[in-house]
Amino acid sequence: MNEGIHVALSAEQLGTFLGLPITNTLLTSWAVMLVLAVIAVVVGTRVKLIPSRFQTLLESMFEYVYDYVAETLESRDLARKFFPFLMTIFLFIFTANFLEFTPGIGSLGFFHAEEFIPLLRSVNTDLNVTLALAIISFIVIEVTGVATLGAIQYARKFINFHSPIDFAVGIVELIGELARLISLSFRLFGNILAGEVLIIVVTYFAPYFGPVPLMMFELFIGFLQAAIFALLTLFFIKLAVTPAH
């Protein structure tokens, strides 16, 4: 067995199902969805007409976020449509980042060809996952822009022949629109993977007192990255529904 620090950039494949690869990040993704489903059922069945303190706190938090979305989009109708989507993105990313520090994630596994293969791995350290989230957000943003402004009006943001300057600005806007796929996916992937690598390094050199404060900091980073991804999606939706000037 090889000793020392080993970091794998790609998710490890555990097997196949109907010809489809099953990776350790996919298993963790299912675990995240199961956790969110259980929490939704437990919280949903305990909602009361006269709220408890905990229910009041949750309602206040969700109301604050909903009002912020409505204020940003300048429409409560759009807020009703996109609030569930934005919260789903935030809760999935945050829960995945939180479960990264659950005992067993990255530590339980088996050896194959003298290489340790973890059964579960932090979801957002897989670029496939973050890219899939970015693609979903990108599609929602573009479809929303077309549905709100109309295909022709929305296309004028990127294709404008009024003047050479307007045409150049439109091309730059189009490149920036496509670059969101890279920025959204790599920002989340890079930050979470870098944090995990840093914890591995600190654990290797200072296993008794180094990891705990760093893990607490990474929990905050995980929350921050989830909020940033959701907020950027919100702001891009706002830009999509705003007519070109």
Protein backbone atom coordinates (compact mmCIF):
# COMPACT_ATOMS: atom_id res chain seq x y z
CA MET A 1 0.00 0.00 0.00
CA ASN A 2 1.23 3.48 -0.85
CA GLU A 3 1.77 5.80 2.09
CA GLY A 4 1.39 9.56 2.05
CA ILE A 5 -1.15 11.97 0.65
CA HIS A 6 -3.25 10.87 -2.32
CA VAL A 7 -5.73 13.19 -4.05
CA ALA A 8 -7.94 12.07 -6.94
CA LEU A 9 -9.39 14.83 -9.09
CA SER A 10 -12.02 12.61 -10.71
CA ALA A 11 -14.62 10.56 -8.88
CA GLU A 12 -13.80 6.87 -8.47
CA GLN A 13 -16.03 4.39 -10.29
CA LEU A 14 -17.44 1.67 -8.06
CA GLY A 15 -19.24 -0.33 -10.73
CA THR A 16 -21.86 -0.12 -13.46
CA PHE A 17 -25.64 -0.41 -13.69
CA LEU A 18 -27.20 -1.12 -17.09
CA GLY A 19 -23.96 0.09 -18.63
CA LEU A 20 -23.98 3.36 -16.67
CA PRO A 21 -21.02 4.07 -14.37
CA ILE A 22 -21.75 4.28 -10.63
CA THR A 23 -19.29 6.57 -8.87
CA ASN A 24 -18.81 7.34 -5.19
CA THR A 25 -20.01 10.92 -5.71
CA LEU A 26 -23.21 9.56 -7.27
CA LEU A 27 -23.85 7.46 -4.17
CA THR A 28 -23.27 10.52 -2.00
CA SER A 29 -25.68 12.52 -4.18
CA TRP A 30 -28.37 9.92 -3.51
CA ALA A 31 -27.59 10.17 0.20
CA VAL A 32 -27.98 13.96 0.04
CA MET A 33 -31.35 13.64 -1.70
CA LEU A 34 -32.46 11.06 0.88
CA VAL A 35 -31.48 13.38 3.75
CA LEU A 36 -33.37 16.30 2.20
CA ALA A 37 -36.43 14.11 1.58
CA VAL A 38 -36.46 12.89 5.19
CA ILE A 39 -36.08 16.44 6.51
CA ALA A 40 -38.91 17.63 4.23
CA VAL A 41 -41.24 14.88 5.47
CA VAL A 42 -40.38 15.42 9.14
CA VAL A 43 -40.72 19.20 8.97
CA GLY A 44 -43.82 19.04 6.75
CA THR A 45 -45.70 16.72 9.09
CA ARG A 46 -44.96 18.91 12.12
CA VAL A 47 -46.24 22.19 10.71
CA LYS A 48 -48.88 23.64 13.05
CA LEU A 49 -51.42 26.41 12.72
CA ILE A 50 -50.01 27.93 15.90
CA PRO A 51 -46.26 27.75 15.16
CA SER A 52 -43.64 26.77 17.66
CA ARG A 53 -40.51 28.85 18.13
CA PHE A 54 -38.58 26.66 15.71
CA GLN A 55 -41.34 26.85 13.08
CA THR A 56 -41.53 30.61 13.55
CA LEU A 57 -37.76 30.86 13.02
CA LEU A 58 -37.94 28.78 9.82
CA GLU A 59 -40.88 30.78 8.50
CA SER A 60 -39.08 34.05 9.23
CA MET A 61 -35.95 32.87 7.42
CA PHE A 62 -37.85 31.67 4.37
CA GLU A 63 -39.96 34.83 4.31
CA TYR A 64 -36.82 36.98 4.37
CA VAL A 65 -35.30 35.06 1.47
CA TYR A 66 -38.58 35.13 -0.47
CA ASP A 67 -38.89 38.90 -0.01
CA TYR A 68 -35.28 39.33 -1.16
CA VAL A 69 -35.96 37.29 -4.31
CA ALA A 70 -39.12 39.30 -5.00
CA GLU A 71 -37.26 42.58 -4.48
CA THR A 72 -34.43 41.50 -6.78
CA LEU A 73 -36.72 40.32 -9.56
CA GLU A 74 -39.12 43.24 -8.93
CA SER A 75 -42.02 40.82 -9.21
CA ARG A 76 -43.70 38.63 -6.61
CA ASP A 77 -45.10 36.52 -9.44
CA LEU A 78 -41.57 35.69 -10.65
CA ALA A 79 -40.52 35.15 -7.03
CA ARG A 80 -43.23 32.50 -6.60
CA LYS A 81 -41.94 30.72 -9.70
CA PHE A 82 -38.22 30.79 -8.92
CA PHE A 83 -38.07 30.69 -5.12
CA PRO A 84 -38.47 26.86 -4.96
CA PHE A 85 -35.82 26.41 -7.65
CA LEU A 86 -33.30 28.70 -5.95
CA MET A 87 -33.89 27.16 -2.53
CA THR A 88 -33.52 23.66 -3.96
CA ILE A 89 -30.13 24.58 -5.43
CA PHE A 90 -29.00 26.14 -2.16
CA LEU A 91 -30.19 23.28 0.04
CA PHE A 92 -28.69 20.59 -2.20
CA ILE A 93 -25.27 22.27 -2.38
CA PHE A 94 -25.20 23.20 1.30
CA THR A 95 -26.31 19.74 2.46
CA ALA A 96 -23.72 18.11 0.19
CA ASN A 97 -21.01 20.38 1.59
CA PHE A 98 -22.17 19.72 5.16
CA LEU A 99 -22.15 15.93 4.70
CA GLU A 100 -18.55 16.20 3.55
CA PHE A 101 -17.55 16.18 7.23
CA THR A 102 -19.78 13.28 8.23
CA PRO A 103 -17.81 10.29 9.55
CA GLY A 104 -17.46 7.74 6.77
CA ILE A 105 -17.38 10.20 3.88
CA GLY A 106 -14.01 9.59 2.26
CA SER A 107 -12.83 7.21 4.99
CA LEU A 108 -14.89 4.05 4.38
CA GLY A 109 -13.93 2.06 1.32
CA PHE A 110 -11.73 -0.68 -0.03
CA PHE A 111 -8.33 -1.16 -1.61
CA HIS A 112 -8.00 -1.92 -5.31
CA ALA A 113 -4.55 -2.42 -6.86
CA GLU A 114 -2.99 -0.96 -3.69
CA GLU A 115 -5.13 2.18 -4.06
CA PHE A 116 -7.80 3.16 -1.54
CA ILE A 117 -11.24 3.69 -3.12
CA PRO A 118 -13.74 5.49 -0.85
CA LEU A 119 -17.36 4.35 -1.07
CA LEU A 120 -18.61 7.90 -0.51
CA ARG A 121 -16.99 11.12 -1.62
CA SER A 122 -17.93 14.78 -1.25
CA VAL A 123 -20.39 15.56 -4.03
CA ASN A 124 -19.05 18.92 -5.16
CA THR A 125 -15.49 17.66 -5.56
CA ASP A 126 -16.77 16.02 -8.76
CA LEU A 127 -16.71 18.46 -11.69
CA ASN A 128 -19.49 16.46 -13.36
CA VAL A 129 -21.85 17.40 -10.52
CA THR A 130 -21.03 21.10 -10.46
CA LEU A 131 -21.17 21.25 -14.27
CA ALA A 132 -24.59 19.57 -14.22
CA LEU A 133 -25.83 22.15 -11.70
CA ALA A 134 -24.42 24.96 -13.88
CA ILE A 135 -26.13 23.53 -16.99
CA ILE A 136 -29.47 23.32 -15.18
CA SER A 137 -29.15 26.95 -14.04
CA PHE A 138 -28.05 28.03 -17.52
CA ILE A 139 -31.06 26.38 -19.19
CA VAL A 140 -33.48 27.90 -16.66
CA ILE A 141 -31.94 31.35 -17.17
CA GLU A 142 -32.07 31.23 -20.97
CA VAL A 143 -35.59 29.75 -21.14
CA THR A 144 -36.80 32.39 -18.67
CA GLY A 145 -35.32 35.18 -20.79
CA VAL A 146 -36.94 33.89 -23.97
CA ALA A 147 -40.29 33.25 -22.26
CA THR A 148 -40.36 36.69 -20.62
CA LEU A 149 -39.07 38.92 -23.42
CA GLY A 150 -39.77 36.81 -26.47
CA ALA A 151 -37.21 35.10 -28.67
CA ILE A 152 -36.55 38.11 -30.93
CA GLN A 153 -36.27 40.65 -28.12
CA TYR A 154 -34.02 38.36 -26.12
CA ALA A 155 -31.80 37.66 -29.13
CA ARG A 156 -31.25 41.40 -29.58
CA LYS A 157 -29.14 41.35 -26.45
CA PHE A 158 -26.53 39.36 -28.35
CA ILE A 159 -27.14 40.10 -32.02
CA ASN A 160 -27.37 43.81 -32.81
CA PHE A 161 -26.54 45.32 -36.21
CA HIS A 162 -27.35 48.96 -35.38
CA SER A 163 -23.66 49.82 -35.28
CA PRO A 164 -20.29 48.07 -35.16
CA ILE A 165 -19.99 48.94 -31.46
CA ASP A 166 -23.40 47.47 -30.67
CA PHE A 167 -22.49 44.33 -32.62
CA ALA A 168 -19.20 43.97 -30.72
CA VAL A 169 -20.94 44.52 -27.38
CA GLY A 170 -23.50 41.86 -28.29
CA ILE A 171 -20.78 39.33 -29.10
CA VAL A 172 -19.07 40.08 -25.78
CA GLU A 173 -22.40 39.58 -24.01
CA LEU A 174 -22.88 36.25 -25.78
CA ILE A 175 -19.40 35.06 -24.76
CA GLY A 176 -20.07 36.17 -21.20
CA GLU A 177 -23.37 34.29 -21.24
CA LEU A 178 -21.67 31.05 -22.28
CA ALA A 179 -18.80 31.63 -19.84
CA ARG A 180 -21.27 31.35 -16.97
CA LEU A 181 -21.19 27.58 -17.39
CA ILE A 182 -17.47 27.61 -16.66
CA SER A 183 -17.58 30.19 -13.88
CA LEU A 184 -20.47 28.58 -11.98
CA SER A 185 -19.13 25.04 -12.20
CA PHE A 186 -15.43 25.68 -11.62
CA ARG A 187 -16.00 28.16 -8.77
CA LEU A 188 -17.94 25.60 -6.73
CA PHE A 189 -15.73 22.67 -7.73
CA GLY A 190 -12.46 24.53 -7.09
CA ASN A 191 -13.40 25.91 -3.68
CA ILE A 192 -14.75 22.65 -2.28
CA LEU A 193 -11.94 20.52 -3.69
CA ALA A 194 -9.30 22.96 -2.43
CA GLY A 195 -10.83 22.88 1.04
CA GLU A 196 -10.87 19.09 1.08
CA VAL A 197 -7.24 18.89 -0.06
CA LEU A 198 -6.21 21.41 2.59
CA ILE A 199 -7.91 19.37 5.30
CA ILE A 200 -6.18 16.21 4.08
CA VAL A 201 -2.79 17.94 4.18
CA VAL A 202 -3.37 19.40 7.67
CA THR A 203 -4.66 16.05 8.95
CA TYR A 204 -1.53 14.34 7.64
CA PHE A 205 0.91 16.77 9.28
CA ALA A 206 -1.08 17.86 12.36
CA PRO A 207 -3.73 15.19 13.03
CA TYR A 208 -4.52 16.09 16.65
CA PHE A 209 -5.24 19.81 16.70
CA GLY A 210 -5.24 21.06 13.09
CA PRO A 211 -8.33 19.60 11.38
CA VAL A 212 -11.12 20.73 13.74
CA PRO A 213 -10.85 24.55 13.37
CA LEU A 214 -10.22 24.11 9.65
CA MET A 215 -13.35 21.96 9.32
CA MET A 216 -15.41 24.64 11.05
CA PHE A 217 -14.07 27.19 8.60
CA GLU A 218 -14.84 24.88 5.67
CA LEU A 219 -18.41 24.51 6.92
CA PHE A 220 -18.75 28.27 6.60
CA ILE A 221 -17.17 28.12 3.13
CA GLY A 222 -19.63 25.38 2.16
CA PHE A 223 -22.55 27.58 3.22
CA LEU A 224 -21.02 30.56 1.45
CA GLN A 225 -20.53 28.67 -1.82
CA ALA A 226 -24.11 27.38 -1.75
CA ALA A 227 -25.39 30.92 -1.20
CA ILE A 228 -23.14 32.34 -3.95
CA PHE A 229 -24.33 29.75 -6.49
CA ALA A 230 -27.99 30.47 -5.69
CA LEU A 231 -27.47 34.25 -5.66
CA LEU A 232 -25.61 34.26 -8.99
CA THR A 233 -28.43 32.22 -10.51
CA LEU A 234 -30.90 34.77 -9.15
CA PHE A 235 -28.95 37.72 -10.53
CA PHE A 236 -28.56 36.05 -13.93
CA ILE A 237 -32.32 35.46 -14.05
CA LYS A 238 -32.80 39.16 -13.29
CA LEU A 239 -30.48 40.08 -16.17
CA ALA A 240 -32.29 37.64 -18.48
CA VAL A 241 -35.72 39.20 -17.89
CA THR A 242 -34.42 42.77 -18.23
CA PRO A 243 -34.92 44.19 -21.74
CA ALA A 244 -31.83 45.24 -23.66
CA HIS A 245 -31.03 48.96 -23.63
